[in-house]
Amino acid sequence: MGKLLTAVLGLALLGGGAWYALQRTAAVDSTAPGTSAPKRQLDNVRGAASRIESEADARAKELEAKMRTD
């Protein structure tokens, strides 16, 4: 019984520590000097993805129009 209680308490402590670590990193200010580069990189990736999607959509519409005229 003691080993089971120790295991349950150990898992609870590990889970609590992980939760605390994740919550603390989520609450960090994103305007801090150390975090601006990854945010900028993510914004660049999102912009590129949006551009690629719009170009693919335009090509699909052109192909659809071409197929209808034939």
C-alpha atoms as a PDB file:
ATOM      1  CA  MET A   1       0.000   0.000   0.000  1.00  0.00           C
ATOM      2  CA  GLY A   2       2.868   2.353   0.794  1.00  0.00           C
ATOM      3  CA  LYS A   3       4.534   1.774  -2.564  1.00  0.00           C
ATOM      4  CA  LEU A   4       1.292   2.507  -4.391  1.00  0.00           C
ATOM      5  CA  LEU A   5       0.757   5.710  -2.419  1.00  0.00           C
ATOM      6  CA  THR A   6       4.350   6.777  -3.124  1.00  0.00           C
ATOM      7  CA  ALA A   7       3.894   6.099  -6.838  1.00  0.00           C
ATOM      8  CA  VAL A   8       0.637   8.067  -7.003  1.00  0.00           C
ATOM      9  CA  LEU A   9       2.140  11.017  -5.131  1.00  0.00           C
ATOM     10  CA  GLY A  10       5.228  10.931  -7.347  1.00  0.00           C
ATOM     11  CA  LEU A  11       3.133  11.001 -10.499  1.00  0.00           C
ATOM     12  CA  ALA A  12       1.038  13.829  -9.086  1.00  0.00           C
ATOM     13  CA  LEU A  13       4.180  15.841  -8.356  1.00  0.00           C
ATOM     14  CA  LEU A  14       5.557  15.211 -11.846  1.00  0.00           C
ATOM     15  CA  GLY A  15       2.253  16.179 -13.436  1.00  0.00           C
ATOM     16  CA  GLY A  16       1.997  19.298 -11.295  1.00  0.00           C
ATOM     17  CA  GLY A  17       5.547  20.300 -12.172  1.00  0.00           C
ATOM     18  CA  ALA A  18       4.894  19.824 -15.889  1.00  0.00           C
ATOM     19  CA  TRP A  19       1.665  21.809 -15.677  1.00  0.00           C
ATOM     20  CA  TYR A  20       3.411  24.621 -13.814  1.00  0.00           C
ATOM     21  CA  ALA A  21       6.255  24.724 -16.341  1.00  0.00           C
ATOM     22  CA  LEU A  22       3.832  24.878 -19.270  1.00  0.00           C
ATOM     23  CA  GLN A  23       1.677  27.539 -17.664  1.00  0.00           C
ATOM     24  CA  ARG A  24       4.677  29.669 -16.763  1.00  0.00           C
ATOM     25  CA  THR A  25       6.077  29.582 -20.302  1.00  0.00           C
ATOM     26  CA  ALA A  26       2.643  30.400 -21.741  1.00  0.00           C
ATOM     27  CA  ALA A  27       2.407  33.491 -19.554  1.00  0.00           C
ATOM     28  CA  VAL A  28       5.807  34.877 -20.590  1.00  0.00           C
ATOM     29  CA  ASP A  29       5.573  38.263 -22.291  1.00  0.00           C
ATOM     30  CA  SER A  30       5.989  37.765 -26.048  1.00  0.00           C
ATOM     31  CA  THR A  31       7.476  41.248 -26.451  1.00  0.00           C
ATOM     32  CA  ALA A  32      10.577  40.307 -24.460  1.00  0.00           C
ATOM     33  CA  PRO A  33      13.831  40.617 -26.436  1.00  0.00           C
ATOM     34  CA  GLY A  34      14.556  36.894 -26.349  1.00  0.00           C
ATOM     35  CA  THR A  35      11.237  35.855 -27.851  1.00  0.00           C
ATOM     36  CA  SER A  36      10.870  38.263 -30.755  1.00  0.00           C
ATOM     37  CA  ALA A  37      12.975  36.283 -33.245  1.00  0.00           C
ATOM     38  CA  PRO A  38      10.866  33.085 -33.095  1.00  0.00           C
ATOM     39  CA  LYS A  39       7.667  35.112 -33.314  1.00  0.00           C
ATOM     40  CA  ARG A  40       9.017  36.960 -36.320  1.00  0.00           C
ATOM     41  CA  GLN A  41       9.996  33.663 -37.942  1.00  0.00           C
ATOM     42  CA  LEU A  42       6.532  32.226 -37.305  1.00  0.00           C
ATOM     43  CA  ASP A  43       4.916  35.326 -38.786  1.00  0.00           C
ATOM     44  CA  ASN A  44       7.114  34.932 -41.881  1.00  0.00           C
ATOM     45  CA  VAL A  45       6.088  31.295 -42.231  1.00  0.00           C
ATOM     46  CA  ARG A  46       2.413  32.175 -41.871  1.00  0.00           C
ATOM     47  CA  GLY A  47       2.760  34.885 -44.501  1.00  0.00           C
ATOM     48  CA  ALA A  48       4.492  32.518 -46.903  1.00  0.00           C
ATOM     49  CA  ALA A  49       1.834  29.850 -46.355  1.00  0.00           C
ATOM     50  CA  SER A  50      -0.906  32.369 -47.030  1.00  0.00           C
ATOM     51  CA  ARG A  51       0.826  33.533 -50.203  1.00  0.00           C
ATOM     52  CA  ILE A  52       1.285  29.956 -51.443  1.00  0.00           C
ATOM     53  CA  GLU A  53      -2.361  29.130 -50.760  1.00  0.00           C
ATOM     54  CA  SER A  54      -3.609  32.179 -52.629  1.00  0.00           C
ATOM     55  CA  GLU A  55      -1.332  31.432 -55.604  1.00  0.00           C
ATOM     56  CA  ALA A  56      -2.538  27.816 -55.700  1.00  0.00           C
ATOM     57  CA  ASP A  57      -6.147  29.003 -55.532  1.00  0.00           C
ATOM     58  CA  ALA A  58      -5.554  31.416 -58.404  1.00  0.00           C
ATOM     59  CA  ARG A  59      -3.953  28.664 -60.512  1.00  0.00           C
ATOM     60  CA  ALA A  60      -6.882  26.332 -59.774  1.00  0.00           C
ATOM     61  CA  LYS A  61      -9.380  28.992 -60.833  1.00  0.00           C
ATOM     62  CA  GLU A  62      -7.428  29.659 -64.037  1.00  0.00           C
ATOM     63  CA  LEU A  63      -7.374  25.942 -64.823  1.00  0.00           C
ATOM     64  CA  GLU A  64     -11.088  25.647 -64.119  1.00  0.00           C
ATOM     65  CA  ALA A  65     -11.853  28.583 -66.416  1.00  0.00           C
ATOM     66  CA  LYS A  66      -9.639  27.096 -69.125  1.00  0.00           C
ATOM     67  CA  MET A  67     -11.372  23.712 -68.849  1.00  0.00           C
ATOM     68  CA  ARG A  68     -14.817  25.315 -69.187  1.00  0.00           C
ATOM     69  CA  THR A  69     -13.915  27.242 -72.326  1.00  0.00           C
ATOM     70  CA  ASP A  70     -12.605  24.139 -74.121  1.00  0.00           C
END
